[in-house]
């Protein structure tokens, strides 16, 4: 599947899904950490064990992102309350949804110029 690209959103855009992963530029990532500056593959812990430490490279943004767009895999699952609280202390919200919806939302939010970060679990 291909997703449209709006040039208003600078930085990496999730262009679609291929071979069970997320297509960004010329790369395919099974699991993805993404900021307005870069996209990287990652090996996420089980969702129930997700901590701020697993998102460390995402938190290097200056200024800090508005929120974390969290793709929880094939279905929506609630992230650990401790993760939500730790990010909220830093002024960062958490928006959780299934990973396909999160990939589509990334492009829309970036085309609006939103300063966000994303962590997407495998499809």
Protein backbone atom coordinates (compact mmCIF):
# COMPACT_ATOMS: atom_id res chain seq x y z
CA UNK A 1 0.00 0.00 0.00
CA UNK A 2 1.22 3.52 -0.80
CA UNK A 3 0.43 6.58 1.25
CA UNK A 4 0.35 10.09 -0.24
CA UNK A 5 3.05 12.62 0.51
CA UNK A 6 2.35 16.26 1.19
CA UNK A 7 5.47 18.38 0.72
CA UNK A 8 4.47 20.65 3.63
CA UNK A 9 5.76 18.05 6.11
CA UNK A 10 9.54 18.30 6.19
CA UNK A 11 11.61 15.30 7.16
CA UNK A 12 10.98 11.59 6.78
CA UNK A 13 7.51 10.49 5.71
CA UNK A 14 6.12 6.98 5.93
CA UNK A 15 5.32 6.35 2.27
CA UNK A 16 3.52 3.03 2.70
CA UNK A 17 3.77 -0.57 3.81
CA UNK A 18 5.90 -3.22 2.14
CA UNK A 19 7.16 -6.69 3.07
CA UNK A 20 5.56 -6.44 6.51
CA UNK A 21 7.17 -3.11 7.35
CA UNK A 22 7.04 0.64 6.98
CA UNK A 23 8.54 2.21 3.85
CA UNK A 24 10.45 5.43 4.53
CA UNK A 25 12.52 6.78 1.62
CA UNK A 26 14.41 3.78 0.23
CA UNK A 27 14.25 1.76 3.44
CA UNK A 28 11.80 -0.69 4.97
CA UNK A 29 11.59 -0.91 8.76
CA UNK A 30 9.84 -3.73 10.61
CA UNK A 31 9.59 -1.48 13.68
CA UNK A 32 10.23 2.24 13.46
CA UNK A 33 11.33 5.20 15.58
CA UNK A 34 10.76 8.43 13.70
CA UNK A 35 11.22 12.16 14.32
CA UNK A 36 10.95 15.18 12.02
CA UNK A 37 14.72 14.78 11.53
CA UNK A 38 15.26 11.03 11.00
CA UNK A 39 13.83 7.53 10.82
CA UNK A 40 15.49 4.49 12.38
CA UNK A 41 14.66 0.85 12.81
CA UNK A 42 14.51 -0.50 16.34
CA UNK A 43 13.95 -3.66 18.33
CA UNK A 44 11.18 -2.63 20.71
CA UNK A 45 10.62 -4.36 24.01
CA UNK A 46 7.23 -5.96 24.63
CA UNK A 47 4.71 -3.12 24.84
CA UNK A 48 4.00 -3.76 28.52
CA UNK A 49 7.74 -3.24 29.21
CA UNK A 50 8.10 -0.02 27.15
CA UNK A 51 9.93 2.71 29.08
CA UNK A 52 11.32 6.15 28.33
CA UNK A 53 14.79 4.56 28.04
CA UNK A 54 13.63 2.66 24.92
CA UNK A 55 12.72 6.03 23.37
CA UNK A 56 15.97 7.80 24.29
CA UNK A 57 16.97 8.85 20.77
CA UNK A 58 13.52 10.32 20.18
CA UNK A 59 13.89 12.58 23.19
CA UNK A 60 16.99 14.27 21.73
CA UNK A 61 14.74 16.71 19.85
CA UNK A 62 15.03 20.40 20.63
CA UNK A 63 12.45 21.53 21.44
CA UNK A 64 10.90 18.41 22.89
CA UNK A 65 8.07 16.98 20.79
CA UNK A 66 4.41 17.76 21.47
CA UNK A 67 3.60 14.09 21.82
CA UNK A 68 4.58 10.51 21.09
CA UNK A 69 2.59 8.86 18.32
CA UNK A 70 2.69 5.25 19.50
CA UNK A 71 1.78 2.49 17.05
CA UNK A 72 1.04 -0.55 19.20
CA UNK A 73 1.17 -3.22 16.47
CA UNK A 74 -1.74 -4.90 14.72
CA UNK A 75 -4.28 -3.65 17.25
CA UNK A 76 -4.64 -0.83 19.71
CA UNK A 77 -3.22 -1.68 23.13
CA UNK A 78 -2.78 0.68 26.03
CA UNK A 79 0.83 1.61 26.86
CA UNK A 80 2.15 1.28 30.41
CA UNK A 81 0.84 3.98 32.75
CA UNK A 82 4.41 4.57 34.00
CA UNK A 83 5.51 5.48 30.45
CA UNK A 84 2.64 7.93 30.03
CA UNK A 85 3.39 9.56 33.38
CA UNK A 86 7.13 9.80 32.70
CA UNK A 87 6.51 11.54 29.36
CA UNK A 88 3.82 13.82 30.77
CA UNK A 89 6.30 15.06 33.40
CA UNK A 90 8.40 16.29 30.44
CA UNK A 91 5.35 17.92 28.83
CA UNK A 92 4.97 15.20 26.19
CA UNK A 93 1.59 13.56 25.56
CA UNK A 94 1.02 10.02 24.26
CA UNK A 95 -1.36 9.14 21.40
CA UNK A 96 -1.68 5.37 21.02
CA UNK A 97 -3.27 3.58 18.06
CA UNK A 98 -2.59 0.53 15.92
CA UNK A 99 0.60 0.86 13.86
CA UNK A 100 -1.11 1.22 10.47
CA UNK A 101 -3.22 4.10 11.77
CA UNK A 102 -0.13 5.66 13.37
CA UNK A 103 1.76 5.48 10.06
CA UNK A 104 -1.08 7.27 8.28
CA UNK A 105 -1.43 9.82 11.09
CA UNK A 106 2.31 10.59 10.93
CA UNK A 107 2.01 12.01 7.41
CA UNK A 108 -1.09 14.04 8.22
CA UNK A 109 0.37 15.51 11.40
CA UNK A 110 3.72 16.34 9.79
CA UNK A 111 1.96 18.00 6.83
CA UNK A 112 0.38 20.27 9.45
CA UNK A 113 3.87 21.07 10.74
CA UNK A 114 3.31 19.29 14.08
CA UNK A 115 6.53 18.67 16.04
CA UNK A 116 6.07 15.02 17.09
CA UNK A 117 7.91 11.75 17.53
CA UNK A 118 6.77 8.25 16.64
CA UNK A 119 7.44 4.74 17.84
CA UNK A 120 5.74 2.07 15.75
CA UNK A 121 5.63 -1.60 16.68
CA UNK A 122 5.68 -4.21 13.90
CA UNK A 123 2.62 -4.82 11.77
